[in-house]
Amino acid sequence: MAAVAQRIRFSSPDGLLLEGRLTAPVNPRGGAILCHPHPQFGGSMSSVLIPAIQRALDAAGWACLRFNFRGVGDSQGTYDGGVGESLDAAAALDRIAIEAEGLPLAVAGWSFGSLVGLAAAVADSRVRAYAAVAPPVSLNVDVGPPAPSENQLRAFSGRVYAVCGTLDGFAGPDDVRAWACRISPSARVEVFEGADHFFTNSRHELATAVAAHIAG
């Protein structure tokens, strides 16, 4: 039986109050956070793939927190180009760690959220798995926080999974493969035939695949 998502509040490192939805089984296998798409293009923790991934992680026995970045919904603050949003993701990791004390943590993000999630993941040694859904690496503009340094990437030992669709102009398969391999030479990349940026016809399969990666 799926857990009911609880409304919670937690604070960013710079003192903003953020809102989230938390699912937490009694004996979780680990804890994961979910980072949503670009706030300036309508992205929020309610963007369709984010709750779907949370449900899949709940079914896999993982505590999971989806949350709104600063300036979205009832989260305080304003959009900060991915920098402040990375602080929000770090705070979300600290919050989910309370539900999964001593257990592995994971980060998953969709589009802009995958870039923010990466910044948080490589900065936190507790993160053992990272999943990027349609990272917008085929664009010729910066749409997230500064890319992690080579030293951060070398130090990151988490398992890396990236997924995109063949019809996604923001995340072309060749670009996603090259990007994921820069994060980790052992990164696993999966391409969904006929899928667009929203995985319109394969949302359940996408959510299940992300949860399976995180659950190991």
N, C-alpha and C. Protein backbone atom coordinates (compact mmCIF):
# COMPACT_ATOMS: atom_id res chain seq x y z
N MET A 1 0.85 -1.20 0.00
CA MET A 1 0.00 0.00 0.00
C MET A 1 0.88 1.24 0.00
N ALA A 2 0.62 2.15 -0.93
CA ALA A 2 1.45 3.34 -1.06
C ALA A 2 1.29 4.25 0.15
N ALA A 3 2.41 4.84 0.56
CA ALA A 3 2.37 5.78 1.67
C ALA A 3 1.75 7.10 1.21
N VAL A 4 1.10 7.78 2.14
CA VAL A 4 0.56 9.11 1.86
C VAL A 4 1.67 10.13 2.03
N ALA A 5 1.84 10.99 1.05
CA ALA A 5 2.88 12.01 1.13
C ALA A 5 2.52 13.05 2.18
N GLN A 6 3.43 13.28 3.12
CA GLN A 6 3.22 14.27 4.17
C GLN A 6 3.76 15.62 3.73
N ARG A 7 3.02 16.67 4.03
CA ARG A 7 3.51 18.02 3.78
C ARG A 7 4.52 18.38 4.86
N ILE A 8 5.71 18.83 4.47
CA ILE A 8 6.72 19.21 5.46
C ILE A 8 7.33 20.55 5.06
N ARG A 9 8.02 21.16 6.01
CA ARG A 9 8.80 22.37 5.78
C ARG A 9 10.22 22.10 6.29
N PHE A 10 11.18 22.65 5.60
CA PHE A 10 12.57 22.55 6.06
C PHE A 10 13.31 23.79 5.57
N SER A 11 14.45 24.07 6.18
CA SER A 11 15.17 25.31 5.91
C SER A 11 16.38 25.09 5.01
N SER A 12 16.61 26.02 4.11
CA SER A 12 17.82 26.02 3.29
C SER A 12 18.99 26.53 4.13
N PRO A 13 20.22 26.31 3.69
CA PRO A 13 21.38 26.82 4.45
C PRO A 13 21.38 28.33 4.61
N ASP A 14 20.73 29.06 3.69
CA ASP A 14 20.69 30.51 3.81
C ASP A 14 19.38 31.01 4.41
N GLY A 15 18.68 30.12 5.09
CA GLY A 15 17.57 30.54 5.93
C GLY A 15 16.20 30.65 5.29
N LEU A 16 16.02 30.11 4.10
CA LEU A 16 14.70 30.13 3.46
C LEU A 16 13.90 28.91 3.89
N LEU A 17 12.61 29.09 4.06
CA LEU A 17 11.73 27.98 4.41
C LEU A 17 11.19 27.36 3.12
N LEU A 18 11.45 26.07 2.93
CA LEU A 18 11.07 25.36 1.72
C LEU A 18 9.97 24.36 2.03
N GLU A 19 9.14 24.08 1.03
CA GLU A 19 8.07 23.11 1.22
C GLU A 19 8.39 21.82 0.47
N GLY A 20 7.91 20.71 1.01
CA GLY A 20 8.14 19.43 0.35
C GLY A 20 7.04 18.45 0.66
N ARG A 21 7.11 17.31 -0.01
CA ARG A 21 6.21 16.19 0.24
C ARG A 21 7.07 14.97 0.51
N LEU A 22 6.87 14.37 1.66
CA LEU A 22 7.72 13.29 2.15
C LEU A 22 6.93 11.99 2.24
N THR A 23 7.51 10.90 1.70
CA THR A 23 6.99 9.56 1.94
C THR A 23 8.10 8.78 2.64
N ALA A 24 7.72 8.07 3.71
CA ALA A 24 8.74 7.39 4.51
C ALA A 24 8.17 6.11 5.10
N PRO A 25 8.62 4.93 4.61
CA PRO A 25 8.19 3.67 5.22
C PRO A 25 8.80 3.52 6.61
N VAL A 26 8.29 2.58 7.37
CA VAL A 26 8.75 2.39 8.74
C VAL A 26 10.22 1.99 8.77
N ASN A 27 10.61 1.07 7.90
CA ASN A 27 12.00 0.62 7.84
C ASN A 27 12.55 0.84 6.44
N PRO A 28 12.94 2.07 6.11
CA PRO A 28 13.36 2.36 4.75
C PRO A 28 14.68 1.69 4.39
N ARG A 29 14.88 1.46 3.10
CA ARG A 29 16.13 0.92 2.59
C ARG A 29 17.15 2.02 2.34
N GLY A 30 16.68 3.24 2.26
CA GLY A 30 17.54 4.39 2.02
C GLY A 30 16.67 5.61 1.87
N GLY A 31 17.29 6.74 1.51
CA GLY A 31 16.55 7.98 1.34
C GLY A 31 16.93 8.69 0.07
N ALA A 32 15.94 9.21 -0.64
CA ALA A 32 16.20 9.88 -1.92
C ALA A 32 15.50 11.23 -1.97
N ILE A 33 16.09 12.16 -2.70
CA ILE A 33 15.44 13.43 -2.99
C ILE A 33 15.21 13.54 -4.49
N LEU A 34 14.18 14.30 -4.85
CA LEU A 34 13.82 14.50 -6.25
C LEU A 34 13.82 15.99 -6.58
N CYS A 35 14.54 16.35 -7.63
CA CYS A 35 14.70 17.75 -8.03
C CYS A 35 13.91 18.01 -9.31
N HIS A 36 13.09 19.03 -9.27
CA HIS A 36 12.12 19.26 -10.36
C HIS A 36 12.67 20.10 -11.51
N PRO A 37 11.92 20.19 -12.62
CA PRO A 37 12.36 20.97 -13.79
C PRO A 37 12.42 22.47 -13.52
N HIS A 38 12.79 23.21 -14.55
CA HIS A 38 13.11 24.63 -14.44
C HIS A 38 11.94 25.45 -13.90
N PRO A 39 12.16 26.18 -12.81
CA PRO A 39 11.08 26.97 -12.21
C PRO A 39 10.52 28.04 -13.15
N GLN A 40 11.35 28.61 -14.01
CA GLN A 40 10.88 29.69 -14.86
C GLN A 40 10.11 29.20 -16.08
N PHE A 41 9.99 27.88 -16.21
CA PHE A 41 9.19 27.31 -17.28
C PHE A 41 8.10 26.40 -16.71
N GLY A 42 7.67 26.72 -15.49
CA GLY A 42 6.55 26.01 -14.89
C GLY A 42 6.92 24.78 -14.08
N GLY A 43 8.21 24.50 -13.90
CA GLY A 43 8.61 23.32 -13.15
C GLY A 43 8.32 23.44 -11.67
N SER A 44 7.88 22.35 -11.07
CA SER A 44 7.63 22.31 -9.63
C SER A 44 7.70 20.87 -9.18
N MET A 45 7.56 20.65 -7.87
CA MET A 45 7.58 19.30 -7.34
C MET A 45 6.35 18.49 -7.78
N SER A 46 5.36 19.19 -8.39
CA SER A 46 4.17 18.49 -8.90
C SER A 46 4.28 18.17 -10.39
N SER A 47 5.38 18.59 -11.04
CA SER A 47 5.57 18.24 -12.45
C SER A 47 5.51 16.73 -12.60
N VAL A 48 4.82 16.26 -13.59
CA VAL A 48 4.25 14.92 -13.63
C VAL A 48 5.21 13.77 -13.34
N LEU A 49 6.45 13.84 -13.80
CA LEU A 49 7.37 12.74 -13.56
C LEU A 49 7.83 12.65 -12.10
N ILE A 50 7.85 13.79 -11.40
CA ILE A 50 8.39 13.80 -10.04
C ILE A 50 7.53 12.98 -9.08
N PRO A 51 6.22 13.20 -9.00
CA PRO A 51 5.40 12.33 -8.14
C PRO A 51 5.42 10.87 -8.59
N ALA A 52 5.54 10.64 -9.91
CA ALA A 52 5.59 9.25 -10.39
C ALA A 52 6.84 8.54 -9.89
N ILE A 53 7.97 9.22 -9.89
CA ILE A 53 9.20 8.62 -9.38
C ILE A 53 9.09 8.41 -7.87
N GLN A 54 8.48 9.35 -7.18
CA GLN A 54 8.31 9.19 -5.73
C GLN A 54 7.47 7.95 -5.42
N ARG A 55 6.40 7.73 -6.17
CA ARG A 55 5.58 6.54 -5.95
C ARG A 55 6.37 5.26 -6.20
N ALA A 56 7.20 5.28 -7.24
CA ALA A 56 8.01 4.09 -7.54
C ALA A 56 9.05 3.84 -6.45
N LEU A 57 9.63 4.88 -5.90
CA LEU A 57 10.59 4.71 -4.82
C LEU A 57 9.91 4.25 -3.54
N ASP A 58 8.72 4.75 -3.28
CA ASP A 58 7.95 4.29 -2.13
C ASP A 58 7.68 2.80 -2.26
N ALA A 59 7.30 2.36 -3.45
CA ALA A 59 7.04 0.93 -3.68
C ALA A 59 8.30 0.09 -3.49
N ALA A 60 9.48 0.71 -3.73
CA ALA A 60 10.75 0.01 -3.56
C ALA A 60 11.26 0.06 -2.13
N GLY A 61 10.51 0.72 -1.25
CA GLY A 61 10.89 0.76 0.16
C GLY A 61 11.83 1.88 0.55
N TRP A 62 11.89 2.92 -0.28
CA TRP A 62 12.78 4.05 0.00
C TRP A 62 12.00 5.25 0.52
N ALA A 63 12.54 5.91 1.55
CA ALA A 63 12.02 7.21 1.94
C ALA A 63 12.36 8.20 0.83
N CYS A 64 11.45 9.13 0.56
CA CYS A 64 11.65 10.02 -0.59
C CYS A 64 11.07 11.40 -0.31
N LEU A 65 11.80 12.42 -0.70
CA LEU A 65 11.37 13.80 -0.52
C LEU A 65 11.41 14.52 -1.86
N ARG A 66 10.25 14.96 -2.33
CA ARG A 66 10.20 15.90 -3.44
C ARG A 66 9.90 17.26 -2.83
N PHE A 67 10.41 18.30 -3.42
CA PHE A 67 10.31 19.62 -2.80
C PHE A 67 10.33 20.70 -3.87
N ASN A 68 9.86 21.87 -3.49
CA ASN A 68 9.90 23.02 -4.38
C ASN A 68 11.15 23.84 -4.12
N PHE A 69 11.86 24.15 -5.20
CA PHE A 69 12.99 25.06 -5.09
C PHE A 69 12.52 26.43 -4.60
N ARG A 70 13.43 27.22 -4.14
CA ARG A 70 13.14 28.58 -3.68
C ARG A 70 12.34 29.36 -4.74
N GLY A 71 11.31 30.06 -4.26
CA GLY A 71 10.49 30.86 -5.16
C GLY A 71 9.40 30.10 -5.87
N VAL A 72 9.28 28.80 -5.63
CA VAL A 72 8.26 27.99 -6.29
C VAL A 72 7.22 27.58 -5.25
N GLY A 73 5.93 27.71 -5.60
CA GLY A 73 4.88 27.33 -4.67
C GLY A 73 4.99 28.12 -3.38
N ASP A 74 5.00 27.39 -2.27
CA ASP A 74 5.10 28.04 -0.96
C ASP A 74 6.53 28.08 -0.42
N SER A 75 7.52 27.78 -1.25
CA SER A 75 8.91 27.92 -0.83
C SER A 75 9.32 29.38 -0.92
N GLN A 76 9.99 29.85 0.10
CA GLN A 76 10.41 31.24 0.13
C GLN A 76 11.57 31.50 -0.84
N GLY A 77 11.80 32.80 -1.12
CA GLY A 77 12.93 33.18 -1.94
C GLY A 77 12.56 33.40 -3.39
N THR A 78 13.58 33.55 -4.22
CA THR A 78 13.40 33.77 -5.65
C THR A 78 14.39 32.90 -6.43
N TYR A 79 14.08 32.70 -7.69
CA TYR A 79 14.95 31.90 -8.57
C TYR A 79 16.38 32.42 -8.54
N ASP A 80 17.35 31.50 -8.48
CA ASP A 80 18.75 31.90 -8.31
C ASP A 80 19.68 31.25 -9.32
N GLY A 81 19.16 30.93 -10.50
CA GLY A 81 20.02 30.46 -11.57
C GLY A 81 20.67 29.11 -11.35
N GLY A 82 20.18 28.35 -10.39
CA GLY A 82 20.73 27.03 -10.10
C GLY A 82 21.66 27.00 -8.91
N VAL A 83 22.20 28.16 -8.53
CA VAL A 83 23.15 28.20 -7.41
C VAL A 83 22.43 28.03 -6.09
N GLY A 84 21.45 28.90 -5.82
CA GLY A 84 20.66 28.75 -4.61
C GLY A 84 19.87 27.46 -4.60
N GLU A 85 19.43 27.03 -5.77
CA GLU A 85 18.68 25.77 -5.85
C GLU A 85 19.53 24.58 -5.44
N SER A 86 20.85 24.66 -5.70
CA SER A 86 21.75 23.61 -5.24
C SER A 86 21.82 23.57 -3.71
N LEU A 87 21.74 24.73 -3.08
CA LEU A 87 21.66 24.79 -1.62
C LEU A 87 20.36 24.15 -1.13
N ASP A 88 19.28 24.38 -1.87
CA ASP A 88 17.99 23.77 -1.51
C ASP A 88 18.09 22.25 -1.56
N ALA A 89 18.75 21.73 -2.60
CA ALA A 89 18.90 20.28 -2.72
C ALA A 89 19.77 19.73 -1.61
N ALA A 90 20.81 20.46 -1.22
CA ALA A 90 21.65 20.02 -0.10
C ALA A 90 20.83 19.95 1.19
N ALA A 91 19.96 20.94 1.38
CA ALA A 91 19.10 20.93 2.56
C ALA A 91 18.13 19.75 2.53
N ALA A 92 17.62 19.43 1.34
CA ALA A 92 16.72 18.30 1.20
C ALA A 92 17.43 16.99 1.55
N LEU A 93 18.71 16.87 1.16
CA LEU A 93 19.48 15.68 1.54
C LEU A 93 19.62 15.58 3.05
N ASP A 94 19.87 16.68 3.71
CA ASP A 94 19.96 16.65 5.17
C ASP A 94 18.62 16.24 5.79
N ARG A 95 17.53 16.71 5.18
CA ARG A 95 16.21 16.37 5.73
C ARG A 95 15.87 14.90 5.52
N ILE A 96 16.15 14.35 4.34
CA ILE A 96 15.81 12.95 4.11
C ILE A 96 16.71 12.04 4.92
N ALA A 97 17.92 12.50 5.25
CA ALA A 97 18.84 11.70 6.06
C ALA A 97 18.27 11.45 7.46
N ILE A 98 17.39 12.33 7.92
CA ILE A 98 16.74 12.10 9.21
C ILE A 98 15.85 10.87 9.15
N GLU A 99 15.19 10.67 8.01
CA GLU A 99 14.29 9.53 7.83
C GLU A 99 15.08 8.25 7.52
N ALA A 100 16.29 8.39 7.05
CA ALA A 100 17.10 7.24 6.63
C ALA A 100 18.46 7.29 7.30
N GLU A 101 18.46 7.41 8.59
CA GLU A 101 19.71 7.58 9.34
C GLU A 101 20.65 6.40 9.13
N GLY A 102 21.87 6.70 8.71
CA GLY A 102 22.88 5.68 8.50
C GLY A 102 22.69 4.86 7.24
N LEU A 103 21.71 5.19 6.44
CA LEU A 103 21.41 4.45 5.21
C LEU A 103 21.89 5.23 3.99
N PRO A 104 22.06 4.55 2.85
CA PRO A 104 22.51 5.27 1.65
C PRO A 104 21.49 6.31 1.19
N LEU A 105 22.02 7.37 0.62
CA LEU A 105 21.18 8.42 0.06
C LEU A 105 21.32 8.45 -1.45
N ALA A 106 20.31 9.00 -2.10
CA ALA A 106 20.31 9.08 -3.56
C ALA A 106 19.68 10.39 -4.00
N VAL A 107 20.04 10.81 -5.21
CA VAL A 107 19.50 12.03 -5.81
C VAL A 107 19.01 11.69 -7.21
N ALA A 108 17.82 12.17 -7.53
CA ALA A 108 17.32 12.07 -8.90
C ALA A 108 16.76 13.42 -9.30
N GLY A 109 16.93 13.78 -10.55
CA GLY A 109 16.40 15.05 -11.04
C GLY A 109 15.95 14.93 -12.47
N TRP A 110 15.01 15.79 -12.82
CA TRP A 110 14.49 15.81 -14.19
C TRP A 110 14.83 17.15 -14.82
N SER A 111 15.45 17.13 -16.00
CA SER A 111 15.78 18.31 -16.77
C SER A 111 16.68 19.24 -15.94
N PHE A 112 16.32 20.50 -15.76
CA PHE A 112 17.07 21.42 -14.91
C PHE A 112 17.39 20.79 -13.56
N GLY A 113 16.43 20.05 -13.01
CA GLY A 113 16.63 19.41 -11.72
C GLY A 113 17.75 18.39 -11.72
N SER A 114 18.03 17.79 -12.86
CA SER A 114 19.14 16.83 -12.91
C SER A 114 20.48 17.53 -12.76
N LEU A 115 20.59 18.76 -13.27
CA LEU A 115 21.84 19.52 -13.14
C LEU A 115 22.01 20.03 -11.71
N VAL A 116 20.93 20.51 -11.11
CA VAL A 116 20.98 20.93 -9.71
C VAL A 116 21.29 19.72 -8.82
N GLY A 117 20.62 18.60 -9.12
CA GLY A 117 20.84 17.40 -8.32
C GLY A 117 22.27 16.90 -8.40
N LEU A 118 22.89 17.04 -9.56
CA LEU A 118 24.29 16.62 -9.70
C LEU A 118 25.19 17.46 -8.80
N ALA A 119 24.97 18.77 -8.79
CA ALA A 119 25.78 19.65 -7.95
C ALA A 119 25.69 19.24 -6.48
N ALA A 120 24.48 18.90 -6.04
CA ALA A 120 24.30 18.47 -4.65
C ALA A 120 24.90 17.10 -4.40
N ALA A 121 24.76 16.20 -5.37
CA ALA A 121 25.22 14.82 -5.19
C ALA A 121 26.73 14.74 -5.03
N VAL A 122 27.46 15.44 -5.92
CA VAL A 122 28.92 15.32 -5.88
C VAL A 122 29.53 16.01 -4.66
N ALA A 123 28.73 16.86 -4.00
CA ALA A 123 29.23 17.57 -2.81
C ALA A 123 28.91 16.84 -1.51
N ASP A 124 28.26 15.68 -1.61
CA ASP A 124 27.80 14.99 -0.40
C ASP A 124 28.23 13.53 -0.45
N SER A 125 29.15 13.15 0.41
CA SER A 125 29.70 11.78 0.38
C SER A 125 28.68 10.72 0.78
N ARG A 126 27.53 11.12 1.31
CA ARG A 126 26.49 10.15 1.66
C ARG A 126 25.73 9.64 0.45
N VAL A 127 25.83 10.35 -0.67
CA VAL A 127 25.06 9.99 -1.86
C VAL A 127 25.73 8.82 -2.57
N ARG A 128 24.99 7.73 -2.70
CA ARG A 128 25.52 6.51 -3.32
C ARG A 128 24.94 6.24 -4.70
N ALA A 129 23.92 6.99 -5.09
CA ALA A 129 23.33 6.79 -6.42
C ALA A 129 22.78 8.12 -6.92
N TYR A 130 22.93 8.36 -8.22
CA TYR A 130 22.45 9.58 -8.85
C TYR A 130 21.78 9.21 -10.16
N ALA A 131 20.61 9.79 -10.40
CA ALA A 131 19.87 9.52 -11.64
C ALA A 131 19.49 10.83 -12.30
N ALA A 132 19.80 10.96 -13.58
CA ALA A 132 19.48 12.16 -14.36
C ALA A 132 18.46 11.80 -15.42
N VAL A 133 17.29 12.43 -15.35
CA VAL A 133 16.25 12.21 -16.34
C VAL A 133 16.25 13.39 -17.31
N ALA A 134 16.53 13.11 -18.56
CA ALA A 134 16.54 14.12 -19.62
C ALA A 134 17.35 15.36 -19.25
N PRO A 135 18.61 15.19 -18.88
CA PRO A 135 19.43 16.38 -18.59
C PRO A 135 19.56 17.23 -19.85
N PRO A 136 19.33 18.53 -19.77
CA PRO A 136 19.28 19.37 -20.98
C PRO A 136 20.66 19.75 -21.50
N VAL A 137 21.45 18.75 -21.85
CA VAL A 137 22.84 18.99 -22.22
C VAL A 137 23.02 19.23 -23.72
N SER A 138 21.91 19.19 -24.48
CA SER A 138 22.00 19.49 -25.91
C SER A 138 21.76 20.96 -26.20
N LEU A 139 21.45 21.74 -25.16
CA LEU A 139 21.25 23.18 -25.34
C LEU A 139 22.60 23.89 -25.37
N ASN A 140 22.65 25.00 -26.06
CA ASN A 140 23.89 25.77 -26.15
C ASN A 140 23.93 26.92 -25.16
N VAL A 141 23.09 26.85 -24.13
CA VAL A 141 23.07 27.88 -23.09
C VAL A 141 23.16 27.18 -21.74
N ASP A 142 23.67 27.91 -20.75
CA ASP A 142 23.73 27.38 -19.40
C ASP A 142 22.36 27.49 -18.75
N VAL A 143 21.85 26.37 -18.25
CA VAL A 143 20.50 26.38 -17.66
C VAL A 143 20.51 25.87 -16.22
N GLY A 144 21.67 25.76 -15.63
CA GLY A 144 21.74 25.26 -14.27
C GLY A 144 22.93 25.84 -13.55
N PRO A 145 23.29 25.25 -12.42
CA PRO A 145 24.44 25.72 -11.66
C PRO A 145 25.73 25.44 -12.43
N PRO A 146 26.85 26.05 -12.00
CA PRO A 146 28.13 25.73 -12.62
C PRO A 146 28.41 24.23 -12.56
N ALA A 147 29.01 23.70 -13.62
CA ALA A 147 29.30 22.27 -13.66
C ALA A 147 30.28 21.91 -12.54
N PRO A 148 30.15 20.71 -11.98
CA PRO A 148 31.10 20.28 -10.94
C PRO A 148 32.53 20.30 -11.47
N SER A 149 33.47 20.53 -10.58
CA SER A 149 34.88 20.53 -10.97
C SER A 149 35.36 19.10 -11.23
N GLU A 150 36.48 19.00 -11.91
CA GLU A 150 37.07 17.68 -12.16
C GLU A 150 37.40 16.98 -10.85
N ASN A 151 37.86 17.73 -9.87
CA ASN A 151 38.16 17.12 -8.57
C ASN A 151 36.91 16.56 -7.91
N GLN A 152 35.81 17.28 -8.00
CA GLN A 152 34.56 16.78 -7.43
C GLN A 152 34.10 15.51 -8.14
N LEU A 153 34.21 15.49 -9.45
CA LEU A 153 33.78 14.32 -10.20
C LEU A 153 34.67 13.12 -9.90
N ARG A 154 35.96 13.34 -9.77
CA ARG A 154 36.87 12.23 -9.45
C ARG A 154 36.58 11.66 -8.06
N ALA A 155 36.17 12.53 -7.14
CA ALA A 155 35.91 12.09 -5.77
C ALA A 155 34.54 11.41 -5.63
N PHE A 156 33.66 11.64 -6.58
CA PHE A 156 32.31 11.08 -6.47
C PHE A 156 32.31 9.61 -6.86
N SER A 157 31.85 8.75 -5.97
CA SER A 157 31.87 7.31 -6.23
C SER A 157 30.48 6.71 -6.37
N GLY A 158 29.46 7.55 -6.41
CA GLY A 158 28.10 7.04 -6.54
C GLY A 158 27.83 6.43 -7.91
N ARG A 159 26.87 5.54 -7.96
CA ARG A 159 26.44 4.95 -9.23
C ARG A 159 25.65 5.99 -10.03
N VAL A 160 25.91 6.07 -11.32
CA VAL A 160 25.32 7.10 -12.17
C VAL A 160 24.45 6.46 -13.25
N TYR A 161 23.25 7.01 -13.39
CA TYR A 161 22.29 6.54 -14.39
C TYR A 161 21.72 7.77 -15.08
N ALA A 162 21.71 7.76 -16.40
CA ALA A 162 21.10 8.84 -17.17
C ALA A 162 20.14 8.24 -18.18
N VAL A 163 19.00 8.89 -18.35
CA VAL A 163 17.98 8.37 -19.25
C VAL A 163 17.41 9.51 -20.08
N CYS A 164 17.18 9.23 -21.36
CA CYS A 164 16.62 10.23 -22.26
C CYS A 164 15.79 9.53 -23.32
N GLY A 165 15.13 10.31 -24.15
CA GLY A 165 14.32 9.75 -25.23
C GLY A 165 14.87 10.12 -26.59
N THR A 166 14.52 9.36 -27.59
CA THR A 166 15.02 9.63 -28.94
C THR A 166 14.38 10.87 -29.56
N LEU A 167 13.27 11.35 -29.00
CA LEU A 167 12.59 12.52 -29.56
C LEU A 167 12.78 13.77 -28.72
N ASP A 168 13.79 13.77 -27.88
CA ASP A 168 14.03 14.89 -26.96
C ASP A 168 15.09 15.83 -27.53
N GLY A 169 14.68 17.02 -27.94
CA GLY A 169 15.63 17.98 -28.49
C GLY A 169 16.52 18.64 -27.46
N PHE A 170 16.17 18.52 -26.18
CA PHE A 170 16.97 19.10 -25.11
C PHE A 170 18.04 18.13 -24.60
N ALA A 171 17.81 16.84 -24.82
CA ALA A 171 18.70 15.82 -24.26
C ALA A 171 18.91 14.72 -25.30
N GLY A 172 19.68 15.03 -26.33
CA GLY A 172 19.95 14.05 -27.37
C GLY A 172 20.76 12.89 -26.84
N PRO A 173 20.48 11.67 -27.27
CA PRO A 173 21.19 10.51 -26.74
C PRO A 173 22.70 10.59 -26.79
N ASP A 174 23.27 11.04 -27.89
CA ASP A 174 24.74 11.12 -27.97
C ASP A 174 25.30 12.12 -26.97
N ASP A 175 24.62 13.25 -26.84
CA ASP A 175 25.07 14.26 -25.89
C ASP A 175 24.96 13.75 -24.45
N VAL A 176 23.87 13.07 -24.15
CA VAL A 176 23.67 12.55 -22.80
C VAL A 176 24.72 11.49 -22.48
N ARG A 177 25.04 10.62 -23.44
CA ARG A 177 26.07 9.60 -23.20
C ARG A 177 27.41 10.25 -22.88
N ALA A 178 27.79 11.24 -23.68
CA ALA A 178 29.08 11.91 -23.46
C ALA A 178 29.11 12.61 -22.10
N TRP A 179 28.02 13.28 -21.77
CA TRP A 179 27.92 14.00 -20.49
C TRP A 179 27.99 13.03 -19.31
N ALA A 180 27.25 11.94 -19.37
CA ALA A 180 27.22 10.98 -18.27
C ALA A 180 28.58 10.33 -18.07
N CYS A 181 29.27 10.05 -19.14
CA CYS A 181 30.59 9.42 -19.02
C CYS A 181 31.63 10.36 -18.44
N ARG A 182 31.41 11.67 -18.58
CA ARG A 182 32.31 12.61 -17.92
C ARG A 182 32.10 12.59 -16.40
N ILE A 183 30.88 12.30 -15.98
CA ILE A 183 30.60 12.20 -14.54
C ILE A 183 31.22 10.93 -13.99
N SER A 184 31.02 9.82 -14.71
CA SER A 184 31.56 8.53 -14.29
C SER A 184 31.77 7.64 -15.50
N PRO A 185 32.96 7.09 -15.68
CA PRO A 185 33.20 6.20 -16.81
C PRO A 185 32.29 4.98 -16.80
N SER A 186 31.77 4.63 -15.63
CA SER A 186 30.89 3.46 -15.53
C SER A 186 29.41 3.85 -15.55
N ALA A 187 29.10 5.09 -15.91
CA ALA A 187 27.71 5.53 -15.96
C ALA A 187 26.89 4.64 -16.90
N ARG A 188 25.66 4.40 -16.50
CA ARG A 188 24.74 3.63 -17.34
C ARG A 188 23.75 4.60 -17.99
N VAL A 189 23.63 4.51 -19.30
CA VAL A 189 22.73 5.40 -20.04
C VAL A 189 21.67 4.55 -20.72
N GLU A 190 20.42 4.94 -20.55
CA GLU A 190 19.31 4.22 -21.18
C GLU A 190 18.53 5.18 -22.06
N VAL A 191 18.23 4.75 -23.28
CA VAL A 191 17.50 5.58 -24.23
C VAL A 191 16.14 4.95 -24.50
N PHE A 192 15.08 5.73 -24.28
CA PHE A 192 13.72 5.27 -24.52
C PHE A 192 13.31 5.62 -25.95
N GLU A 193 13.09 4.62 -26.75
CA GLU A 193 12.70 4.83 -28.14
C GLU A 193 11.34 5.53 -28.21
N GLY A 194 11.30 6.64 -28.97
CA GLY A 194 10.04 7.35 -29.17
C GLY A 194 9.63 8.26 -28.03
N ALA A 195 10.47 8.42 -27.01
CA ALA A 195 10.11 9.26 -25.86
C ALA A 195 10.55 10.70 -26.09
N ASP A 196 9.71 11.63 -25.62
CA ASP A 196 10.06 13.04 -25.68
C ASP A 196 10.59 13.51 -24.32
N HIS A 197 10.71 14.81 -24.12
CA HIS A 197 11.28 15.35 -22.88
C HIS A 197 10.40 15.03 -21.67
N PHE A 198 9.13 14.75 -21.93
CA PHE A 198 8.16 14.49 -20.86
C PHE A 198 7.82 13.02 -20.71
N PHE A 199 8.44 12.16 -21.51
CA PHE A 199 8.18 10.72 -21.48
C PHE A 199 6.67 10.46 -21.48
N THR A 200 6.00 11.16 -22.38
CA THR A 200 4.55 11.19 -22.40
C THR A 200 3.92 9.80 -22.42
N ASN A 201 4.49 8.89 -23.20
CA ASN A 201 3.87 7.56 -23.33
C ASN A 201 4.60 6.48 -22.54
N SER A 202 5.51 6.89 -21.68
CA SER A 202 6.29 5.88 -20.95
C SER A 202 6.64 6.33 -19.54
N ARG A 203 5.73 7.06 -18.90
CA ARG A 203 6.04 7.63 -17.58
C ARG A 203 6.19 6.56 -16.51
N HIS A 204 5.33 5.57 -16.53
CA HIS A 204 5.43 4.51 -15.52
C HIS A 204 6.74 3.74 -15.69
N GLU A 205 7.09 3.43 -16.93
CA GLU A 205 8.33 2.69 -17.20
C GLU A 205 9.55 3.52 -16.78
N LEU A 206 9.50 4.82 -17.06
CA LEU A 206 10.60 5.70 -16.67
C LEU A 206 10.76 5.73 -15.15
N ALA A 207 9.66 5.93 -14.44
CA ALA A 207 9.70 6.00 -12.97
C ALA A 207 10.22 4.71 -12.38
N THR A 208 9.78 3.59 -12.93
CA THR A 208 10.23 2.28 -12.44
C THR A 208 11.72 2.10 -12.68
N ALA A 209 12.22 2.54 -13.84
CA ALA A 209 13.64 2.41 -14.15
C ALA A 209 14.50 3.24 -13.21
N VAL A 210 14.07 4.46 -12.90
CA VAL A 210 14.83 5.33 -11.99
C VAL A 210 14.86 4.71 -10.59
N ALA A 211 13.72 4.23 -10.12
CA ALA A 211 13.65 3.62 -8.79
C ALA A 211 14.52 2.36 -8.73
N ALA A 212 14.53 1.60 -9.80
CA ALA A 212 15.34 0.37 -9.82
C ALA A 212 16.82 0.71 -9.73
N HIS A 213 17.25 1.77 -10.42
CA HIS A 213 18.66 2.18 -10.32
C HIS A 213 19.01 2.60 -8.89
N ILE A 214 18.17 3.43 -8.32
CA ILE A 214 18.45 3.92 -6.96
C ILE A 214 18.45 2.79 -5.96
N ALA A 215 17.52 1.87 -6.10
CA ALA A 215 17.44 0.74 -5.16
C ALA A 215 18.56 -0.28 -5.40
N GLY A 216 19.26 -0.14 -6.49
CA GLY A 216 20.43 -1.00 -6.73
C GLY A 216 20.11 -2.38 -7.18
